[in-house]
Structures are given as C-alpha cells and as structure tokens.
C-alpha cells in the first residue's frame, strides 16, 4: 500500500500518464476501502477517550470523505485528487501500525 502511495508523494515522483493515473487512483481507492474497516476495528478496541483512537477515527473520516470526491477532468485536478488519496493510504497505514504496535 505504501509503495502505491509513494508513486505520487515522493519528491522525485514523475507525473503519471493519463492511463497510469487512472490505474493508480483505482488502486489507491481499493487500498483505502480495505484499510478503513481494519483500522476501525483496531480503534474500536480502545476506550473512547484514547488519543490514538481519536486520531485513527479522524483519519478514517478524512479517507471516507476523499473516497466520495470526484475530481474535475483537468489533469492537475486529477493528480491532486490522487495525491490526497495517497496521503490517506499513508495515514491509514500509520494508524494501523500505531494501533497494532502500541496496544495488545
């Protein structure tokens, strides 16, 4: 998952072609859709006032919002949308690791 995100977020990332961008967006959307329930289940094990839980739930909310957005057809807007999805993938991976490592 992180590898897919890095394709768009790395400082030296090359702009993808239209076809590559479409493929990346589908892949990133799939990653987000797979990660949300897993991170949500980990967060649900924690007490309501727990800070890592609150952070994870906020990240899940942001990821869900991004899944619902449709970019304009201009290439810069599509790339920005893909980058936002990539940031959500990275954040969900971070939450997964934080919740899995810091909790039984």
PDB file of N, CA and C in Angstrom:
ATOM      1  N   UNK A   1       0.813  -1.195   0.000  1.00  0.00           N
ATOM      2  CA  UNK A   1       0.000   0.000   0.000  1.00  0.00           C
ATOM      3  C   UNK A   1       0.857   1.261   0.000  1.00  0.00           C
ATOM      4  N   UNK A   2       1.864   1.246   0.854  1.00  0.00           N
ATOM      5  CA  UNK A   2       2.735   2.425   0.926  1.00  0.00           C
ATOM      6  C   UNK A   2       3.472   2.652  -0.399  1.00  0.00           C
ATOM      7  N   UNK A   3       3.823   1.584  -1.065  1.00  0.00           N
ATOM      8  CA  UNK A   3       4.521   1.705  -2.341  1.00  0.00           C
ATOM      9  C   UNK A   3       3.659   2.427  -3.362  1.00  0.00           C
ATOM     10  N   UNK A   4       2.388   2.087  -3.404  1.00  0.00           N
ATOM     11  CA  UNK A   4       1.468   2.765  -4.325  1.00  0.00           C
ATOM     12  C   UNK A   4       1.398   4.254  -4.010  1.00  0.00           C
ATOM     13  N   UNK A   5       1.324   4.576  -2.730  1.00  0.00           N
ATOM     14  CA  UNK A   5       1.243   5.982  -2.328  1.00  0.00           C
ATOM     15  C   UNK A   5       2.516   6.736  -2.695  1.00  0.00           C
ATOM     16  N   UNK A   6       3.646   6.080  -2.539  1.00  0.00           N
ATOM     17  CA  UNK A   6       4.927   6.745  -2.833  1.00  0.00           C
ATOM     18  C   UNK A   6       5.056   7.149  -4.298  1.00  0.00           C
ATOM     19  N   UNK A   7       4.380   6.441  -5.190  1.00  0.00           N
ATOM     20  CA  UNK A   7       4.442   6.784  -6.615  1.00  0.00           C
ATOM     21  C   UNK A   7       4.006   8.220  -6.867  1.00  0.00           C
ATOM     22  N   UNK A   8       3.141   8.734  -6.000  1.00  0.00           N
ATOM     23  CA  UNK A   8       2.640  10.093  -6.189  1.00  0.00           C
ATOM     24  C   UNK A   8       3.191  11.089  -5.188  1.00  0.00           C
ATOM     25  N   UNK A   9       3.704  10.609  -4.067  1.00  0.00           N
ATOM     26  CA  UNK A   9       4.098  11.520  -2.994  1.00  0.00           C
ATOM     27  C   UNK A   9       5.604  11.747  -2.881  1.00  0.00           C
ATOM     28  N   UNK A  10       6.393  10.919  -3.518  1.00  0.00           N
ATOM     29  CA  UNK A  10       7.843  11.077  -3.435  1.00  0.00           C
ATOM     30  C   UNK A  10       8.257  12.405  -4.075  1.00  0.00           C
ATOM     31  N   UNK A  11       9.270  13.019  -3.493  1.00  0.00           N
ATOM     32  CA  UNK A  11       9.739  14.306  -4.023  1.00  0.00           C
ATOM     33  C   UNK A  11      10.190  14.194  -5.478  1.00  0.00           C
ATOM     34  N   UNK A  12      10.744  13.057  -5.842  1.00  0.00           N
ATOM     35  CA  UNK A  12      11.234  12.884  -7.204  1.00  0.00           C
ATOM     36  C   UNK A  12      10.245  12.108  -8.081  1.00  0.00           C
ATOM     37  N   UNK A  13       8.983  12.076  -7.666  1.00  0.00           N
ATOM     38  CA  UNK A  13       7.964  11.331  -8.418  1.00  0.00           C
ATOM     39  C   UNK A  13       7.751  11.961  -9.787  1.00  0.00           C
ATOM     40  N   UNK A  14       7.666  11.111 -10.785  1.00  0.00           N
ATOM     41  CA  UNK A  14       7.367  11.571 -12.140  1.00  0.00           C
ATOM     42  C   UNK A  14       5.856  11.592 -12.316  1.00  0.00           C
ATOM     43  N   UNK A  15       5.376  12.555 -13.071  1.00  0.00           N
ATOM     44  CA  UNK A  15       3.947  12.622 -13.325  1.00  0.00           C
ATOM     45  C   UNK A  15       3.516  11.402 -14.128  1.00  0.00           C
ATOM     46  N   UNK A  16       2.461  10.743 -13.701  1.00  0.00           N
ATOM     47  CA  UNK A  16       1.999   9.574 -14.444  1.00  0.00           C
ATOM     48  C   UNK A  16       1.243   9.984 -15.705  1.00  0.00           C
ATOM     49  N   UNK A  17       1.174   9.068 -16.640  1.00  0.00           N
ATOM     50  CA  UNK A  17       0.350   9.297 -17.828  1.00  0.00           C
ATOM     51  C   UNK A  17      -1.118   9.213 -17.417  1.00  0.00           C
ATOM     52  N   UNK A  18      -2.000   9.587 -18.316  1.00  0.00           N
ATOM     53  CA  UNK A  18      -3.431   9.508 -18.015  1.00  0.00           C
ATOM     54  C   UNK A  18      -3.829   8.094 -17.608  1.00  0.00           C
ATOM     55  N   UNK A  19      -3.386   7.116 -18.362  1.00  0.00           N
ATOM     56  CA  UNK A  19      -3.735   5.724 -18.081  1.00  0.00           C
ATOM     57  C   UNK A  19      -3.138   5.265 -16.751  1.00  0.00           C
ATOM     58  N   UNK A  20      -1.885   5.622 -16.501  1.00  0.00           N
ATOM     59  CA  UNK A  20      -1.250   5.266 -15.229  1.00  0.00           C
ATOM     60  C   UNK A  20      -1.970   5.930 -14.056  1.00  0.00           C
ATOM     61  N   UNK A  21      -2.388   7.159 -14.245  1.00  0.00           N
ATOM     62  CA  UNK A  21      -3.090   7.878 -13.191  1.00  0.00           C
ATOM     63  C   UNK A  21      -4.420   7.191 -12.867  1.00  0.00           C
ATOM     64  N   UNK A  22      -5.154   6.807 -13.900  1.00  0.00           N
ATOM     65  CA  UNK A  22      -6.420   6.103 -13.678  1.00  0.00           C
ATOM     66  C   UNK A  22      -6.193   4.816 -12.894  1.00  0.00           C
ATOM     67  N   UNK A  23      -5.162   4.076 -13.250  1.00  0.00           N
ATOM     68  CA  UNK A  23      -4.843   2.824 -12.565  1.00  0.00           C
ATOM     69  C   UNK A  23      -4.456   3.090 -11.116  1.00  0.00           C
ATOM     70  N   UNK A  24      -3.615   4.107 -10.902  1.00  0.00           N
ATOM     71  CA  UNK A  24      -3.197   4.451  -9.537  1.00  0.00           C
ATOM     72  C   UNK A  24      -4.380   4.864  -8.667  1.00  0.00           C
ATOM     73  N   UNK A  25      -5.280   5.649  -9.204  1.00  0.00           N
ATOM     74  CA  UNK A  25      -6.445   6.090  -8.440  1.00  0.00           C
ATOM     75  C   UNK A  25      -7.290   4.886  -8.042  1.00  0.00           C
ATOM     76  N   UNK A  26      -7.518   3.974  -8.978  1.00  0.00           N
ATOM     77  CA  UNK A  26      -8.291   2.771  -8.644  1.00  0.00           C
ATOM     78  C   UNK A  26      -7.590   1.950  -7.568  1.00  0.00           C
ATOM     79  N   UNK A  27      -6.294   1.825  -7.693  1.00  0.00           N
ATOM     80  CA  UNK A  27      -5.517   1.070  -6.712  1.00  0.00           C
ATOM     81  C   UNK A  27      -5.565   1.738  -5.335  1.00  0.00           C
ATOM     82  N   UNK A  28      -5.381   3.043  -5.304  1.00  0.00           N
ATOM     83  CA  UNK A  28      -5.414   3.774  -4.031  1.00  0.00           C
ATOM     84  C   UNK A  28      -6.796   3.720  -3.392  1.00  0.00           C
ATOM     85  N   UNK A  29      -7.835   3.862  -4.199  1.00  0.00           N
ATOM     86  CA  UNK A  29      -9.202   3.750  -3.671  1.00  0.00           C
ATOM     87  C   UNK A  29      -9.415   2.370  -3.056  1.00  0.00           C
ATOM     88  N   UNK A  30      -8.932   1.339  -3.727  1.00  0.00           N
ATOM     89  CA  UNK A  30      -9.052  -0.011  -3.196  1.00  0.00           C
ATOM     90  C   UNK A  30      -8.307  -0.166  -1.877  1.00  0.00           C
ATOM     91  N   UNK A  31      -7.116   0.388  -1.806  1.00  0.00           N
ATOM     92  CA  UNK A  31      -6.338   0.333  -0.558  1.00  0.00           C
ATOM     93  C   UNK A  31      -7.096   1.008   0.585  1.00  0.00           C
ATOM     94  N   UNK A  32      -7.659   2.180   0.303  1.00  0.00           N
ATOM     95  CA  UNK A  32      -8.403   2.908   1.333  1.00  0.00           C
ATOM     96  C   UNK A  32      -9.608   2.087   1.777  1.00  0.00           C
ATOM     97  N   UNK A  33     -10.328   1.528   0.824  1.00  0.00           N
ATOM     98  CA  UNK A  33     -11.519   0.748   1.163  1.00  0.00           C
ATOM     99  C   UNK A  33     -11.179  -0.503   1.977  1.00  0.00           C
ATOM    100  N   UNK A  34     -10.023  -1.076   1.724  1.00  0.00           N
ATOM    101  CA  UNK A  34      -9.592  -2.243   2.505  1.00  0.00           C
ATOM    102  C   UNK A  34      -9.094  -1.844   3.892  1.00  0.00           C
ATOM    103  N   UNK A  35      -8.410  -0.727   3.974  1.00  0.00           N
ATOM    104  CA  UNK A  35      -7.790  -0.329   5.238  1.00  0.00           C
ATOM    105  C   UNK A  35      -8.788   0.234   6.241  1.00  0.00           C
ATOM    106  N   UNK A  36      -9.801   0.917   5.776  1.00  0.00           N
ATOM    107  CA  UNK A  36     -10.742   1.565   6.702  1.00  0.00           C
ATOM    108  C   UNK A  36     -11.333   0.576   7.715  1.00  0.00           C
ATOM    109  N   UNK A  37     -11.917  -0.540   7.298  1.00  0.00           N
ATOM    110  CA  UNK A  37     -12.516  -1.420   8.311  1.00  0.00           C
ATOM    111  C   UNK A  37     -11.492  -2.052   9.257  1.00  0.00           C
ATOM    112  N   UNK A  38     -10.288  -2.275   8.770  1.00  0.00           N
ATOM    113  CA  UNK A  38      -9.251  -2.865   9.622  1.00  0.00           C
ATOM    114  C   UNK A  38      -8.830  -1.867  10.704  1.00  0.00           C
ATOM    115  N   UNK A  39      -8.559  -0.638  10.312  1.00  0.00           N
ATOM    116  CA  UNK A  39      -8.160   0.393  11.272  1.00  0.00           C
ATOM    117  C   UNK A  39      -9.322   0.702  12.211  1.00  0.00           C
ATOM    118  N   UNK A  40     -10.523   0.702  11.677  1.00  0.00           N
ATOM    119  CA  UNK A  40     -11.703   0.963  12.500  1.00  0.00           C
ATOM    120  C   UNK A  40     -11.861  -0.112  13.585  1.00  0.00           C
ATOM    121  N   UNK A  41     -11.619  -1.360  13.220  1.00  0.00           N
ATOM    122  CA  UNK A  41     -11.723  -2.456  14.196  1.00  0.00           C
ATOM    123  C   UNK A  41     -10.658  -2.323  15.284  1.00  0.00           C
ATOM    124  N   UNK A  42      -9.445  -1.933  14.893  1.00  0.00           N
ATOM    125  CA  UNK A  42      -8.388  -1.729  15.890  1.00  0.00           C
ATOM    126  C   UNK A  42      -8.734  -0.572  16.818  1.00  0.00           C
ATOM    127  N   UNK A  43      -9.261   0.497  16.240  1.00  0.00           N
ATOM    128  CA  UNK A  43      -9.623   1.666  17.049  1.00  0.00           C
ATOM    129  C   UNK A  43     -10.769   1.337  17.999  1.00  0.00           C
ATOM    130  N   UNK A  44     -11.683   0.493  17.577  1.00  0.00           N
ATOM    131  CA  UNK A  44     -12.843   0.152  18.398  1.00  0.00           C
ATOM    132  C   UNK A  44     -12.457  -0.592  19.675  1.00  0.00           C
ATOM    133  N   UNK A  45     -11.285  -1.207  19.688  1.00  0.00           N
ATOM    134  CA  UNK A  45     -10.826  -1.929  20.882  1.00  0.00           C
ATOM    135  C   UNK A  45     -10.380  -0.986  21.988  1.00  0.00           C
ATOM    136  N   UNK A  46     -10.163   0.268  21.638  1.00  0.00           N
ATOM    137  CA  UNK A  46      -9.623   1.238  22.595  1.00  0.00           C
ATOM    138  C   UNK A  46     -10.747   2.008  23.277  1.00  0.00           C
ATOM    139  N   UNK A  47     -10.479   2.509  24.491  1.00  0.00           N
ATOM    140  CA  UNK A  47     -11.505   3.308  25.173  1.00  0.00           C
ATOM    141  C   UNK A  47     -11.793   4.601  24.430  1.00  0.00           C
ATOM    142  N   UNK A  48     -12.976   5.139  24.644  1.00  0.00           N
ATOM    143  CA  UNK A  48     -13.418   6.329  23.903  1.00  0.00           C
ATOM    144  C   UNK A  48     -12.510   7.540  24.060  1.00  0.00           C
ATOM    145  N   UNK A  49     -11.899   7.751  25.191  1.00  0.00           N
ATOM    146  CA  UNK A  49     -11.066   8.927  25.393  1.00  0.00           C
ATOM    147  C   UNK A  49      -9.633   8.765  24.921  1.00  0.00           C
ATOM    148  N   UNK A  50      -9.307   7.649  24.332  1.00  0.00           N
ATOM    149  CA  UNK A  50      -7.941   7.344  23.929  1.00  0.00           C
ATOM    150  C   UNK A  50      -7.534   8.203  22.724  1.00  0.00           C
ATOM    151  N   UNK A  51      -6.393   8.875  22.828  1.00  0.00           N
ATOM    152  CA  UNK A  51      -5.932   9.770  21.767  1.00  0.00           C
ATOM    153  C   UNK A  51      -5.631   9.031  20.461  1.00  0.00           C
ATOM    154  N   UNK A  52      -4.907   7.898  20.471  1.00  0.00           N
ATOM    155  CA  UNK A  52      -4.684   7.192  19.209  1.00  0.00           C
ATOM    156  C   UNK A  52      -5.995   6.765  18.537  1.00  0.00           C
ATOM    157  N   UNK A  53      -6.991   6.414  19.339  1.00  0.00           N
ATOM    158  CA  UNK A  53      -8.301   6.060  18.773  1.00  0.00           C
ATOM    159  C   UNK A  53      -8.898   7.270  18.060  1.00  0.00           C
ATOM    160  N   UNK A  54      -8.894   8.407  18.728  1.00  0.00           N
ATOM    161  CA  UNK A  54      -9.469   9.623  18.150  1.00  0.00           C
ATOM    162  C   UNK A  54      -8.745  10.007  16.854  1.00  0.00           C
ATOM    163  N   UNK A  55      -7.435   9.891  16.858  1.00  0.00           N
ATOM    164  CA  UNK A  55      -6.656  10.214  15.656  1.00  0.00           C
ATOM    165  C   UNK A  55      -6.992   9.266  14.515  1.00  0.00           C
ATOM    166  N   UNK A  56      -7.095   7.986  14.828  1.00  0.00           N
ATOM    167  CA  UNK A  56      -7.421   6.993  13.802  1.00  0.00           C
ATOM    168  C   UNK A  56      -8.813   7.248  13.231  1.00  0.00           C
ATOM    169  N   UNK A  57      -9.772   7.541  14.096  1.00  0.00           N
ATOM    170  CA  UNK A  57     -11.131   7.802  13.625  1.00  0.00           C
ATOM    171  C   UNK A  57     -11.192   9.070  12.770  1.00  0.00           C
ATOM    172  N   UNK A  58     -10.401  10.062  13.119  1.00  0.00           N
ATOM    173  CA  UNK A  58     -10.336  11.279  12.296  1.00  0.00           C
ATOM    174  C   UNK A  58      -9.748  10.954  10.924  1.00  0.00           C
ATOM    175  N   UNK A  59      -8.703  10.138  10.908  1.00  0.00           N
ATOM    176  CA  UNK A  59      -8.103   9.733   9.630  1.00  0.00           C
ATOM    177  C   UNK A  59      -9.066   8.929   8.777  1.00  0.00           C
ATOM    178  N   UNK A  60      -9.862   8.075   9.425  1.00  0.00           N
ATOM    179  CA  UNK A  60     -10.869   7.293   8.708  1.00  0.00           C
ATOM    180  C   UNK A  60     -11.924   8.221   8.107  1.00  0.00           C
ATOM    181  N   UNK A  61     -12.350   9.204   8.880  1.00  0.00           N
ATOM    182  CA  UNK A  61     -13.335  10.162   8.377  1.00  0.00           C
ATOM    183  C   UNK A  61     -12.824  10.924   7.169  1.00  0.00           C
ATOM    184  N   UNK A  62     -11.573  11.347   7.252  1.00  0.00           N
ATOM    185  CA  UNK A  62     -10.966  12.070   6.129  1.00  0.00           C
ATOM    186  C   UNK A  62     -10.852  11.162   4.908  1.00  0.00           C
ATOM    187  N   UNK A  63     -10.465   9.925   5.112  1.00  0.00           N
ATOM    188  CA  UNK A  63     -10.336   8.979   3.998  1.00  0.00           C
ATOM    189  C   UNK A  63     -11.696   8.732   3.342  1.00  0.00           C
ATOM    190  N   UNK A  64     -12.734   8.590   4.148  1.00  0.00           N
ATOM    191  CA  UNK A  64     -14.081   8.383   3.591  1.00  0.00           C
ATOM    192  C   UNK A  64     -14.520   9.596   2.770  1.00  0.00           C
ATOM    193  N   UNK A  65     -14.211  10.772   3.274  1.00  0.00           N
ATOM    194  CA  UNK A  65     -14.544  11.988   2.531  1.00  0.00           C
ATOM    195  C   UNK A  65     -13.840  11.986   1.182  1.00  0.00           C
ATOM    196  N   UNK A  66     -12.577  11.654   1.185  1.00  0.00           N
ATOM    197  CA  UNK A  66     -11.804  11.639  -0.067  1.00  0.00           C
ATOM    198  C   UNK A  66     -12.323  10.595  -1.039  1.00  0.00           C
ATOM    199  N   UNK A  67     -12.817   9.475  -0.529  1.00  0.00           N
ATOM    200  CA  UNK A  67     -13.395   8.459  -1.417  1.00  0.00           C
ATOM    201  C   UNK A  67     -14.631   8.991  -2.128  1.00  0.00           C
ATOM    202  N   UNK A  68     -15.347   9.886  -1.481  1.00  0.00           N
ATOM    203  CA  UNK A  68     -16.574  10.410  -2.056  1.00  0.00           C
ATOM    204  C   UNK A  68     -16.387  11.554  -3.034  1.00  0.00           C
ATOM    205  N   UNK A  69     -15.190  12.052  -3.153  1.00  0.00           N
ATOM    206  CA  UNK A  69     -14.943  13.197  -4.032  1.00  0.00           C
ATOM    207  C   UNK A  69     -14.633  12.746  -5.456  1.00  0.00           C
ATOM    208  N   UNK A  70     -15.099  13.526  -6.401  1.00  0.00           N
ATOM    209  CA  UNK A  70     -14.785  13.296  -7.811  1.00  0.00           C
ATOM    210  C   UNK A  70     -14.009  14.510  -8.320  1.00  0.00           C
ATOM    211  N   UNK A  71     -12.820  14.298  -8.834  1.00  0.00           N
ATOM    212  CA  UNK A  71     -12.038  15.447  -9.318  1.00  0.00           C
ATOM    213  C   UNK A  71     -12.566  15.950 -10.655  1.00  0.00           C
ATOM    214  N   UNK A  72     -12.218  17.190 -10.952  1.00  0.00           N
ATOM    215  CA  UNK A  72     -12.504  17.706 -12.289  1.00  0.00           C
ATOM    216  C   UNK A  72     -11.659  16.934 -13.292  1.00  0.00           C
ATOM    217  N   UNK A  73     -11.966  17.084 -14.556  1.00  0.00           N
ATOM    218  CA  UNK A  73     -11.294  16.288 -15.582  1.00  0.00           C
ATOM    219  C   UNK A  73      -9.906  16.805 -15.956  1.00  0.00           C
ATOM    220  N   UNK A  74      -9.560  18.000 -15.524  1.00  0.00           N
ATOM    221  CA  UNK A  74      -8.237  18.544 -15.839  1.00  0.00           C
ATOM    222  C   UNK A  74      -7.162  17.708 -15.132  1.00  0.00           C
ATOM    223  N   UNK A  75      -6.076  17.476 -15.817  1.00  0.00           N
ATOM    224  CA  UNK A  75      -5.003  16.635 -15.280  1.00  0.00           C
ATOM    225  C   UNK A  75      -4.485  17.114 -13.925  1.00  0.00           C
ATOM    226  N   UNK A  76      -4.224  18.406 -13.716  1.00  0.00           N
ATOM    227  CA  UNK A  76      -3.743  18.832 -12.395  1.00  0.00           C
ATOM    228  C   UNK A  76      -4.727  18.495 -11.263  1.00  0.00           C
ATOM    229  N   UNK A  77      -6.019  18.629 -11.523  1.00  0.00           N
ATOM    230  CA  UNK A  77      -7.025  18.304 -10.504  1.00  0.00           C
ATOM    231  C   UNK A  77      -7.038  16.806 -10.236  1.00  0.00           C
ATOM    232  N   UNK A  78      -6.880  16.009 -11.261  1.00  0.00           N
ATOM    233  CA  UNK A  78      -6.858  14.556 -11.093  1.00  0.00           C
ATOM    234  C   UNK A  78      -5.625  14.112 -10.324  1.00  0.00           C
ATOM    235  N   UNK A  79      -4.488  14.741 -10.586  1.00  0.00           N
ATOM    236  CA  UNK A  79      -3.264  14.404  -9.858  1.00  0.00           C
ATOM    237  C   UNK A  79      -3.404  14.804  -8.386  1.00  0.00           C
ATOM    238  N   UNK A  80      -3.944  15.986  -8.128  1.00  0.00           N
ATOM    239  CA  UNK A  80      -4.140  16.441  -6.742  1.00  0.00           C
ATOM    240  C   UNK A  80      -5.076  15.481  -5.997  1.00  0.00           C
ATOM    241  N   UNK A  81      -6.116  15.018  -6.654  1.00  0.00           N
ATOM    242  CA  UNK A  81      -7.043  14.055  -6.053  1.00  0.00           C
ATOM    243  C   UNK A  81      -6.311  12.759  -5.714  1.00  0.00           C
ATOM    244  N   UNK A  82      -5.521  12.271  -6.649  1.00  0.00           N
ATOM    245  CA  UNK A  82      -4.760  11.038  -6.423  1.00  0.00           C
ATOM    246  C   UNK A  82      -3.775  11.212  -5.271  1.00  0.00           C
ATOM    247  N   UNK A  83      -3.157  12.373  -5.184  1.00  0.00           N
ATOM    248  CA  UNK A  83      -2.217  12.624  -4.090  1.00  0.00           C
ATOM    249  C   UNK A  83      -2.933  12.649  -2.743  1.00  0.00           C
ATOM    250  N   UNK A  84      -4.128  13.200  -2.704  1.00  0.00           N
ATOM    251  CA  UNK A  84      -4.900  13.190  -1.456  1.00  0.00           C
ATOM    252  C   UNK A  84      -5.248  11.761  -1.052  1.00  0.00           C
ATOM    253  N   UNK A  85      -5.641  10.938  -2.027  1.00  0.00           N
ATOM    254  CA  UNK A  85      -5.901   9.530  -1.730  1.00  0.00           C
ATOM    255  C   UNK A  85      -4.634   8.846  -1.221  1.00  0.00           C
ATOM    256  N   UNK A  86      -3.504   9.155  -1.836  1.00  0.00           N
ATOM    257  CA  UNK A  86      -2.229   8.564  -1.413  1.00  0.00           C
ATOM    258  C   UNK A  86      -1.892   8.968   0.020  1.00  0.00           C
ATOM    259  N   UNK A  87      -2.172  10.215   0.387  1.00  0.00           N
ATOM    260  CA  UNK A  87      -1.934  10.643   1.767  1.00  0.00           C
ATOM    261  C   UNK A  87      -2.853   9.902   2.737  1.00  0.00           C
ATOM    262  N   UNK A  88      -4.076   9.628   2.324  1.00  0.00           N
ATOM    263  CA  UNK A  88      -4.980   8.845   3.175  1.00  0.00           C
ATOM    264  C   UNK A  88      -4.481   7.420   3.342  1.00  0.00           C
ATOM    265  N   UNK A  89      -3.971   6.833   2.273  1.00  0.00           N
ATOM    266  CA  UNK A  89      -3.404   5.484   2.366  1.00  0.00           C
ATOM    267  C   UNK A  89      -2.257   5.478   3.369  1.00  0.00           C
ATOM    268  N   UNK A  90      -1.371   6.431   3.258  1.00  0.00           N
ATOM    269  CA  UNK A  90      -0.234   6.529   4.174  1.00  0.00           C
ATOM    270  C   UNK A  90      -0.702   6.717   5.610  1.00  0.00           C
ATOM    271  N   UNK A  91      -1.669   7.593   5.815  1.00  0.00           N
ATOM    272  CA  UNK A  91      -2.177   7.844   7.171  1.00  0.00           C
ATOM    273  C   UNK A  91      -2.832   6.592   7.745  1.00  0.00           C
ATOM    274  N   UNK A  92      -3.617   5.891   6.948  1.00  0.00           N
ATOM    275  CA  UNK A  92      -4.257   4.668   7.442  1.00  0.00           C
ATOM    276  C   UNK A  92      -3.221   3.600   7.778  1.00  0.00           C
ATOM    277  N   UNK A  93      -2.172   3.498   6.982  1.00  0.00           N
ATOM    278  CA  UNK A  93      -1.088   2.564   7.300  1.00  0.00           C
ATOM    279  C   UNK A  93      -0.419   2.944   8.620  1.00  0.00           C
ATOM    280  N   UNK A  94      -0.196   4.238   8.814  1.00  0.00           N
ATOM    281  CA  UNK A  94       0.391   4.706  10.078  1.00  0.00           C
ATOM    282  C   UNK A  94      -0.508   4.367  11.264  1.00  0.00           C
ATOM    283  N   UNK A  95      -1.800   4.613  11.114  1.00  0.00           N
ATOM    284  CA  UNK A  95      -2.740   4.299  12.200  1.00  0.00           C
ATOM    285  C   UNK A  95      -2.751   2.799  12.484  1.00  0.00           C
ATOM    286  N   UNK A  96      -2.721   2.008  11.443  1.00  0.00           N
ATOM    287  CA  UNK A  96      -2.694   0.552  11.612  1.00  0.00           C
ATOM    288  C   UNK A  96      -1.474   0.136  12.421  1.00  0.00           C
ATOM    289  N   UNK A  97      -0.327   0.674  12.057  1.00  0.00           N
ATOM    290  CA  UNK A  97       0.902   0.334  12.769  1.00  0.00           C
ATOM    291  C   UNK A  97       0.872   0.847  14.204  1.00  0.00           C
ATOM    292  N   UNK A  98       0.417   2.061  14.396  1.00  0.00           N
ATOM    293  CA  UNK A  98       0.376   2.632  15.747  1.00  0.00           C
ATOM    294  C   UNK A  98      -0.595   1.883  16.654  1.00  0.00           C
ATOM    295  N   UNK A  99      -1.742   1.556  16.151  1.00  0.00           N
ATOM    296  CA  UNK A  99      -2.734   0.862  16.961  1.00  0.00           C
ATOM    297  C   UNK A  99      -2.342  -0.588  17.195  1.00  0.00           C
ATOM    298  N   UNK A 100      -1.701  -1.196  16.228  1.00  0.00           N
ATOM    299  CA  UNK A 100      -1.292  -2.591  16.356  1.00  0.00           C
ATOM    300  C   UNK A 100      -0.083  -2.763  17.247  1.00  0.00           C
ATOM    301  N   UNK A 101       0.853  -1.828  17.199  1.00  0.00           N
ATOM    302  CA  UNK A 101       2.094  -1.950  17.976  1.00  0.00           C
ATOM    303  C   UNK A 101       1.913  -1.483  19.412  1.00  0.00           C
ATOM    304  N   UNK A 102       1.098  -0.457  19.613  1.00  0.00           N
ATOM    305  CA  UNK A 102       1.022   0.133  20.949  1.00  0.00           C
ATOM    306  C   UNK A 102      -0.039  -0.511  21.827  1.00  0.00           C
ATOM    307  N   UNK A 103      -0.830  -1.392  21.252  1.00  0.00           N
ATOM    308  CA  UNK A 103      -1.936  -1.993  22.002  1.00  0.00           C
ATOM    309  C   UNK A 103      -1.920  -3.506  21.870  1.00  0.00           C
ATOM    310  N   UNK A 104      -2.426  -4.181  22.915  1.00  0.00           N
ATOM    311  CA  UNK A 104      -2.488  -5.649  22.847  1.00  0.00           C
ATOM    312  C   UNK A 104      -3.519  -6.108  21.845  1.00  0.00           C
TER     313      UNK A 104
END
